[in-house]
PDB file of N, CA and C in Angstrom:
ATOM      1  N   UNK A   1       0.849  -1.177   0.000  1.00  0.00           N
ATOM      2  CA  UNK A   1       0.000   0.000   0.000  1.00  0.00           C
ATOM      3  C   UNK A   1       0.898   1.245   0.000  1.00  0.00           C
ATOM      4  N   UNK A   2       0.459   2.269  -0.694  1.00  0.00           N
ATOM      5  CA  UNK A   2       1.216   3.511  -0.747  1.00  0.00           C
ATOM      6  C   UNK A   2       1.036   4.303   0.548  1.00  0.00           C
ATOM      7  N   UNK A   3       1.953   5.209   0.799  1.00  0.00           N
ATOM      8  CA  UNK A   3       1.920   5.989   2.040  1.00  0.00           C
ATOM      9  C   UNK A   3       1.360   7.386   1.795  1.00  0.00           C
ATOM     10  N   UNK A   4       1.030   8.050   2.879  1.00  0.00           N
ATOM     11  CA  UNK A   4       0.590   9.437   2.794  1.00  0.00           C
ATOM     12  C   UNK A   4       1.655  10.335   2.204  1.00  0.00           C
ATOM     13  N   UNK A   5       2.912  10.052   2.550  1.00  0.00           N
ATOM     14  CA  UNK A   5       4.026  10.837   2.014  1.00  0.00           C
ATOM     15  C   UNK A   5       4.152  10.653   0.507  1.00  0.00           C
ATOM     16  N   UNK A   6       3.940   9.424   0.032  1.00  0.00           N
ATOM     17  CA  UNK A   6       3.987   9.177  -1.409  1.00  0.00           C
ATOM     18  C   UNK A   6       2.859   9.924  -2.119  1.00  0.00           C
ATOM     19  N   UNK A   7       1.688   9.929  -1.531  1.00  0.00           N
ATOM     20  CA  UNK A   7       0.550  10.629  -2.136  1.00  0.00           C
ATOM     21  C   UNK A   7       0.847  12.118  -2.220  1.00  0.00           C
ATOM     22  N   UNK A   8       1.310  12.701  -1.123  1.00  0.00           N
ATOM     23  CA  UNK A   8       1.633  14.128  -1.098  1.00  0.00           C
ATOM     24  C   UNK A   8       2.721  14.455  -2.118  1.00  0.00           C
ATOM     25  N   UNK A   9       3.765  13.625  -2.175  1.00  0.00           N
ATOM     26  CA  UNK A   9       4.846  13.843  -3.124  1.00  0.00           C
ATOM     27  C   UNK A   9       4.396  13.681  -4.561  1.00  0.00           C
ATOM     28  N   UNK A  10       3.586  12.671  -4.816  1.00  0.00           N
ATOM     29  CA  UNK A  10       3.088  12.434  -6.171  1.00  0.00           C
ATOM     30  C   UNK A  10       2.224  13.598  -6.640  1.00  0.00           C
ATOM     31  N   UNK A  11       1.406  14.095  -5.741  1.00  0.00           N
ATOM     32  CA  UNK A  11       0.553  15.230  -6.076  1.00  0.00           C
ATOM     33  C   UNK A  11       1.397  16.446  -6.424  1.00  0.00           C
ATOM     34  N   UNK A  12       2.453  16.666  -5.662  1.00  0.00           N
ATOM     35  CA  UNK A  12       3.357  17.786  -5.936  1.00  0.00           C
ATOM     36  C   UNK A  12       4.060  17.605  -7.281  1.00  0.00           C
ATOM     37  N   UNK A  13       4.461  16.382  -7.586  1.00  0.00           N
ATOM     38  CA  UNK A  13       5.160  16.124  -8.847  1.00  0.00           C
ATOM     39  C   UNK A  13       4.314  16.481 -10.068  1.00  0.00           C
ATOM     40  N   UNK A  14       3.033  16.188  -9.996  1.00  0.00           N
ATOM     41  CA  UNK A  14       2.175  16.465 -11.153  1.00  0.00           C
ATOM     42  C   UNK A  14       1.485  17.823 -11.053  1.00  0.00           C
ATOM     43  N   UNK A  15       1.725  18.534  -9.946  1.00  0.00           N
ATOM     44  CA  UNK A  15       1.243  19.905  -9.817  1.00  0.00           C
ATOM     45  C   UNK A  15      -0.262  20.052  -9.663  1.00  0.00           C
ATOM     46  N   UNK A  16      -0.873  19.153  -8.884  1.00  0.00           N
ATOM     47  CA  UNK A  16      -2.305  19.289  -8.634  1.00  0.00           C
ATOM     48  C   UNK A  16      -2.543  19.531  -7.149  1.00  0.00           C
ATOM     49  N   UNK A  17      -3.603  20.226  -6.862  1.00  0.00           N
ATOM     50  CA  UNK A  17      -3.947  20.535  -5.477  1.00  0.00           C
ATOM     51  C   UNK A  17      -4.641  19.337  -4.830  1.00  0.00           C
ATOM     52  N   UNK A  18      -4.759  19.400  -3.524  1.00  0.00           N
ATOM     53  CA  UNK A  18      -5.501  18.369  -2.807  1.00  0.00           C
ATOM     54  C   UNK A  18      -6.945  18.311  -3.248  1.00  0.00           C
ATOM     55  N   UNK A  19      -7.528  19.458  -3.515  1.00  0.00           N
ATOM     56  CA  UNK A  19      -8.923  19.502  -3.994  1.00  0.00           C
ATOM     57  C   UNK A  19      -9.052  18.867  -5.378  1.00  0.00           C
ATOM     58  N   UNK A  20      -8.069  19.128  -6.240  1.00  0.00           N
ATOM     59  CA  UNK A  20      -8.091  18.517  -7.574  1.00  0.00           C
ATOM     60  C   UNK A  20      -7.970  16.995  -7.473  1.00  0.00           C
ATOM     61  N   UNK A  21      -7.065  16.529  -6.621  1.00  0.00           N
ATOM     62  CA  UNK A  21      -6.910  15.091  -6.447  1.00  0.00           C
ATOM     63  C   UNK A  21      -8.196  14.475  -5.911  1.00  0.00           C
ATOM     64  N   UNK A  22      -8.807  15.128  -4.945  1.00  0.00           N
ATOM     65  CA  UNK A  22     -10.066  14.622  -4.398  1.00  0.00           C
ATOM     66  C   UNK A  22     -11.108  14.458  -5.498  1.00  0.00           C
ATOM     67  N   UNK A  23     -11.218  15.453  -6.352  1.00  0.00           N
ATOM     68  CA  UNK A  23     -12.176  15.392  -7.455  1.00  0.00           C
ATOM     69  C   UNK A  23     -11.843  14.252  -8.418  1.00  0.00           C
ATOM     70  N   UNK A  24     -10.565  14.125  -8.783  1.00  0.00           N
ATOM     71  CA  UNK A  24     -10.143  13.070  -9.703  1.00  0.00           C
ATOM     72  C   UNK A  24     -10.366  11.675  -9.126  1.00  0.00           C
ATOM     73  N   UNK A  25     -10.170  11.545  -7.820  1.00  0.00           N
ATOM     74  CA  UNK A  25     -10.287  10.242  -7.167  1.00  0.00           C
ATOM     75  C   UNK A  25     -11.712   9.932  -6.707  1.00  0.00           C
ATOM     76  N   UNK A  26     -12.575  10.934  -6.705  1.00  0.00           N
ATOM     77  CA  UNK A  26     -13.939  10.718  -6.249  1.00  0.00           C
ATOM     78  C   UNK A  26     -14.053  10.556  -4.747  1.00  0.00           C
ATOM     79  N   UNK A  27     -13.172  11.248  -4.029  1.00  0.00           N
ATOM     80  CA  UNK A  27     -13.211  11.241  -2.564  1.00  0.00           C
ATOM     81  C   UNK A  27     -13.294  12.684  -2.080  1.00  0.00           C
ATOM     82  N   UNK A  28     -13.527  12.877  -0.801  1.00  0.00           N
ATOM     83  CA  UNK A  28     -13.630  14.232  -0.270  1.00  0.00           C
ATOM     84  C   UNK A  28     -12.244  14.839  -0.047  1.00  0.00           C
ATOM     85  N   UNK A  29     -12.205  16.160  -0.062  1.00  0.00           N
ATOM     86  CA  UNK A  29     -10.948  16.856   0.218  1.00  0.00           C
ATOM     87  C   UNK A  29     -10.440  16.557   1.633  1.00  0.00           C
ATOM     88  N   UNK A  30     -11.326  16.524   2.657  1.00  0.00           N
ATOM     89  CA  UNK A  30     -10.835  16.154   3.988  1.00  0.00           C
ATOM     90  C   UNK A  30     -10.203  14.752   4.017  1.00  0.00           C
ATOM     91  N   UNK A  31     -10.664  13.848   3.170  1.00  0.00           N
ATOM     92  CA  UNK A  31     -10.056  12.527   3.093  1.00  0.00           C
ATOM     93  C   UNK A  31      -8.615  12.633   2.609  1.00  0.00           C
ATOM     94  N   UNK A  32      -8.384  13.437   1.579  1.00  0.00           N
ATOM     95  CA  UNK A  32      -7.025  13.642   1.070  1.00  0.00           C
ATOM     96  C   UNK A  32      -6.153  14.235   2.163  1.00  0.00           C
ATOM     97  N   UNK A  33      -6.655  15.245   2.851  1.00  0.00           N
ATOM     98  CA  UNK A  33      -5.894  15.875   3.929  1.00  0.00           C
ATOM     99  C   UNK A  33      -5.530  14.862   5.008  1.00  0.00           C
ATOM    100  N   UNK A  34      -6.492  14.053   5.407  1.00  0.00           N
ATOM    101  CA  UNK A  34      -6.271  13.071   6.471  1.00  0.00           C
ATOM    102  C   UNK A  34      -5.244  12.021   6.041  1.00  0.00           C
ATOM    103  N   UNK A  35      -5.394  11.499   4.838  1.00  0.00           N
ATOM    104  CA  UNK A  35      -4.482  10.461   4.358  1.00  0.00           C
ATOM    105  C   UNK A  35      -3.059  10.994   4.249  1.00  0.00           C
ATOM    106  N   UNK A  36      -2.905  12.209   3.744  1.00  0.00           N
ATOM    107  CA  UNK A  36      -1.566  12.780   3.620  1.00  0.00           C
ATOM    108  C   UNK A  36      -0.939  13.064   4.982  1.00  0.00           C
ATOM    109  N   UNK A  37      -1.731  13.478   5.938  1.00  0.00           N
ATOM    110  CA  UNK A  37      -1.204  13.851   7.254  1.00  0.00           C
ATOM    111  C   UNK A  37      -1.028  12.660   8.192  1.00  0.00           C
ATOM    112  N   UNK A  38      -1.965  11.713   8.141  1.00  0.00           N
ATOM    113  CA  UNK A  38      -1.975  10.629   9.123  1.00  0.00           C
ATOM    114  C   UNK A  38      -1.593   9.270   8.545  1.00  0.00           C
ATOM    115  N   UNK A  39      -1.437   9.186   7.252  1.00  0.00           N
ATOM    116  CA  UNK A  39      -1.099   7.917   6.621  1.00  0.00           C
ATOM    117  C   UNK A  39      -2.322   7.176   6.130  1.00  0.00           C
ATOM    118  N   UNK A  40      -2.063   6.058   5.494  1.00  0.00           N
ATOM    119  CA  UNK A  40      -3.129   5.320   4.831  1.00  0.00           C
ATOM    120  C   UNK A  40      -3.661   4.147   5.646  1.00  0.00           C
ATOM    121  N   UNK A  41      -3.071   3.877   6.775  1.00  0.00           N
ATOM    122  CA  UNK A  41      -3.411   2.701   7.567  1.00  0.00           C
ATOM    123  C   UNK A  41      -4.857   2.593   7.990  1.00  0.00           C
ATOM    124  N   UNK A  42      -5.514   3.710   8.268  1.00  0.00           N
ATOM    125  CA  UNK A  42      -6.886   3.660   8.745  1.00  0.00           C
ATOM    126  C   UNK A  42      -7.907   3.882   7.632  1.00  0.00           C
ATOM    127  N   UNK A  43      -7.455   4.042   6.397  1.00  0.00           N
ATOM    128  CA  UNK A  43      -8.351   4.308   5.274  1.00  0.00           C
ATOM    129  C   UNK A  43      -8.757   3.003   4.597  1.00  0.00           C
ATOM    130  N   UNK A  44      -9.945   3.035   4.009  1.00  0.00           N
ATOM    131  CA  UNK A  44     -10.423   1.879   3.268  1.00  0.00           C
ATOM    132  C   UNK A  44      -9.514   1.627   2.068  1.00  0.00           C
ATOM    133  N   UNK A  45      -9.295   0.374   1.772  1.00  0.00           N
ATOM    134  CA  UNK A  45      -8.448   0.000   0.635  1.00  0.00           C
ATOM    135  C   UNK A  45      -8.995   0.621  -0.646  1.00  0.00           C
ATOM    136  N   UNK A  46     -10.310   0.639  -0.801  1.00  0.00           N
ATOM    137  CA  UNK A  46     -10.916   1.209  -2.009  1.00  0.00           C
ATOM    138  C   UNK A  46     -10.594   2.698  -2.142  1.00  0.00           C
ATOM    139  N   UNK A  47     -10.535   3.404  -1.044  1.00  0.00           N
ATOM    140  CA  UNK A  47     -10.201   4.828  -1.058  1.00  0.00           C
ATOM    141  C   UNK A  47      -8.766   5.042  -1.525  1.00  0.00           C
ATOM    142  N   UNK A  48      -7.854   4.292  -0.978  1.00  0.00           N
ATOM    143  CA  UNK A  48      -6.441   4.417  -1.360  1.00  0.00           C
ATOM    144  C   UNK A  48      -6.255   3.996  -2.814  1.00  0.00           C
ATOM    145  N   UNK A  49      -6.946   2.955  -3.236  1.00  0.00           N
ATOM    146  CA  UNK A  49      -6.862   2.533  -4.637  1.00  0.00           C
ATOM    147  C   UNK A  49      -7.365   3.620  -5.580  1.00  0.00           C
ATOM    148  N   UNK A  50      -8.435   4.301  -5.209  1.00  0.00           N
ATOM    149  CA  UNK A  50      -8.974   5.376  -6.045  1.00  0.00           C
ATOM    150  C   UNK A  50      -7.973   6.527  -6.149  1.00  0.00           C
ATOM    151  N   UNK A  51      -7.339   6.858  -5.038  1.00  0.00           N
ATOM    152  CA  UNK A  51      -6.328   7.919  -5.032  1.00  0.00           C
ATOM    153  C   UNK A  51      -5.141   7.501  -5.892  1.00  0.00           C
ATOM    154  N   UNK A  52      -4.708   6.274  -5.722  1.00  0.00           N
ATOM    155  CA  UNK A  52      -3.571   5.772  -6.510  1.00  0.00           C
ATOM    156  C   UNK A  52      -3.883   5.800  -8.002  1.00  0.00           C
ATOM    157  N   UNK A  53      -5.043   5.302  -8.381  1.00  0.00           N
ATOM    158  CA  UNK A  53      -5.428   5.292  -9.803  1.00  0.00           C
ATOM    159  C   UNK A  53      -5.508   6.701 -10.374  1.00  0.00           C
ATOM    160  N   UNK A  54      -6.028   7.639  -9.583  1.00  0.00           N
ATOM    161  CA  UNK A  54      -6.132   9.024 -10.056  1.00  0.00           C
ATOM    162  C   UNK A  54      -4.750   9.613 -10.311  1.00  0.00           C
ATOM    163  N   UNK A  55      -3.808   9.342  -9.428  1.00  0.00           N
ATOM    164  CA  UNK A  55      -2.446   9.845  -9.604  1.00  0.00           C
ATOM    165  C   UNK A  55      -1.731   9.142 -10.755  1.00  0.00           C
ATOM    166  N   UNK A  56      -1.939   7.855 -10.891  1.00  0.00           N
ATOM    167  CA  UNK A  56      -1.332   7.127 -12.008  1.00  0.00           C
ATOM    168  C   UNK A  56      -1.874   7.614 -13.346  1.00  0.00           C
ATOM    169  N   UNK A  57      -3.135   7.994 -13.382  1.00  0.00           N
ATOM    170  CA  UNK A  57      -3.723   8.542 -14.612  1.00  0.00           C
ATOM    171  C   UNK A  57      -3.082   9.880 -14.987  1.00  0.00           C
ATOM    172  N   UNK A  58      -2.470  10.547 -13.993  1.00  0.00           N
ATOM    173  CA  UNK A  58      -1.768  11.810 -14.237  1.00  0.00           C
ATOM    174  C   UNK A  58      -0.295  11.576 -14.590  1.00  0.00           C
ATOM    175  N   UNK A  59       0.130  10.320 -14.645  1.00  0.00           N
ATOM    176  CA  UNK A  59       1.494   9.994 -15.029  1.00  0.00           C
ATOM    177  C   UNK A  59       2.412   9.556 -13.908  1.00  0.00           C
ATOM    178  N   UNK A  60       1.897   9.465 -12.694  1.00  0.00           N
ATOM    179  CA  UNK A  60       2.716   9.052 -11.552  1.00  0.00           C
ATOM    180  C   UNK A  60       2.984   7.559 -11.631  1.00  0.00           C
ATOM    181  N   UNK A  61       4.193   7.173 -11.299  1.00  0.00           N
ATOM    182  CA  UNK A  61       4.574   5.767 -11.205  1.00  0.00           C
ATOM    183  C   UNK A  61       5.037   5.523  -9.775  1.00  0.00           C
ATOM    184  N   UNK A  62       4.275   4.745  -9.021  1.00  0.00           N
ATOM    185  CA  UNK A  62       4.672   4.406  -7.656  1.00  0.00           C
ATOM    186  C   UNK A  62       5.665   3.248  -7.711  1.00  0.00           C
ATOM    187  N   UNK A  63       6.731   3.361  -6.938  1.00  0.00           N
ATOM    188  CA  UNK A  63       7.801   2.370  -6.965  1.00  0.00           C
ATOM    189  C   UNK A  63       7.885   1.614  -5.651  1.00  0.00           C
ATOM    190  N   UNK A  64       8.139   0.341  -5.768  1.00  0.00           N
ATOM    191  CA  UNK A  64       8.474  -0.483  -4.605  1.00  0.00           C
ATOM    192  C   UNK A  64       9.975  -0.354  -4.387  1.00  0.00           C
ATOM    193  N   UNK A  65      10.441  -0.702  -3.234  1.00  0.00           N
ATOM    194  CA  UNK A  65      11.865  -0.643  -2.942  1.00  0.00           C
ATOM    195  C   UNK A  65      12.648  -1.447  -3.976  1.00  0.00           C
ATOM    196  N   UNK A  66      13.653  -0.821  -4.561  1.00  0.00           N
ATOM    197  CA  UNK A  66      14.499  -1.488  -5.540  1.00  0.00           C
ATOM    198  C   UNK A  66      14.074  -1.305  -6.977  1.00  0.00           C
ATOM    199  N   UNK A  67      12.849  -0.828  -7.219  1.00  0.00           N
ATOM    200  CA  UNK A  67      12.397  -0.604  -8.589  1.00  0.00           C
ATOM    201  C   UNK A  67      13.014   0.670  -9.145  1.00  0.00           C
ATOM    202  N   UNK A  68      13.078   0.740 -10.456  1.00  0.00           N
ATOM    203  CA  UNK A  68      13.618   1.903 -11.143  1.00  0.00           C
ATOM    204  C   UNK A  68      12.518   2.519 -11.981  1.00  0.00           C
ATOM    205  N   UNK A  69      12.443   3.841 -11.996  1.00  0.00           N
ATOM    206  CA  UNK A  69      11.419   4.547 -12.762  1.00  0.00           C
ATOM    207  C   UNK A  69      11.654   4.402 -14.256  1.00  0.00           C
ATOM    208  N   UNK A  70      10.562   4.448 -14.999  1.00  0.00           N
ATOM    209  CA  UNK A  70      10.640   4.372 -16.457  1.00  0.00           C
ATOM    210  C   UNK A  70      11.000   5.721 -17.071  1.00  0.00           C
ATOM    211  N   UNK A  71      10.924   6.773 -16.297  1.00  0.00           N
ATOM    212  CA  UNK A  71      11.232   8.113 -16.801  1.00  0.00           C
ATOM    213  C   UNK A  71      11.719   8.995 -15.678  1.00  0.00           C
ATOM    214  N   UNK A  72      11.742  10.298 -15.912  1.00  0.00           N
ATOM    215  CA  UNK A  72      12.202  11.229 -14.883  1.00  0.00           C
ATOM    216  C   UNK A  72      11.341  11.132 -13.622  1.00  0.00           C
ATOM    217  N   UNK A  73      11.935  11.394 -12.492  1.00  0.00           N
ATOM    218  CA  UNK A  73      11.185  11.359 -11.251  1.00  0.00           C
ATOM    219  C   UNK A  73      12.110  11.539 -10.058  1.00  0.00           C
ATOM    220  N   UNK A  74      11.557  11.289  -8.903  1.00  0.00           N
ATOM    221  CA  UNK A  74      12.315  11.354  -7.667  1.00  0.00           C
ATOM    222  C   UNK A  74      12.031  10.112  -6.848  1.00  0.00           C
ATOM    223  N   UNK A  75      12.938   9.790  -5.956  1.00  0.00           N
ATOM    224  CA  UNK A  75      12.750   8.663  -5.055  1.00  0.00           C
ATOM    225  C   UNK A  75      13.360   9.026  -3.713  1.00  0.00           C
ATOM    226  N   UNK A  76      12.817   8.463  -2.682  1.00  0.00           N
ATOM    227  CA  UNK A  76      13.327   8.674  -1.328  1.00  0.00           C
ATOM    228  C   UNK A  76      14.206   7.495  -0.962  1.00  0.00           C
ATOM    229  N   UNK A  77      15.445   7.762  -0.664  1.00  0.00           N
ATOM    230  CA  UNK A  77      16.362   6.700  -0.248  1.00  0.00           C
ATOM    231  C   UNK A  77      16.264   6.457   1.232  1.00  0.00           C
ATOM    232  N   UNK A  78      17.190   5.740   1.758  1.00  0.00           N
ATOM    233  CA  UNK A  78      17.228   5.473   3.198  1.00  0.00           C
ATOM    234  C   UNK A  78      17.440   6.771   3.949  1.00  0.00           C
ATOM    235  N   UNK A  79      16.670   6.959   4.973  1.00  0.00           N
ATOM    236  CA  UNK A  79      16.801   8.151   5.798  1.00  0.00           C
ATOM    237  C   UNK A  79      17.889   7.934   6.832  1.00  0.00           C
ATOM    238  N   UNK A  80      18.647   9.000   7.146  1.00  0.00           N
ATOM    239  CA  UNK A  80      19.708   8.861   8.163  1.00  0.00           C
ATOM    240  C   UNK A  80      19.138   8.615   9.554  1.00  0.00           C
TER     241      UNK A  80
END
């Protein structure tokens, strides 16, 4: 499952607001705020899937550890 930090970062990469993402994903803006701030652990799987699909439709590629992006992007390495 993707994290709140990944959602926030992905949204920034494609330059859309939280309200825009909410509209694209078919969820409420407070849901986006909560997921980005508190993480995805308490959210319904369907909600996170809708957010993920909306971001992927904008060109975002979510990576698992060790995967390499197909194009330009950013990744978070090990934190100190």
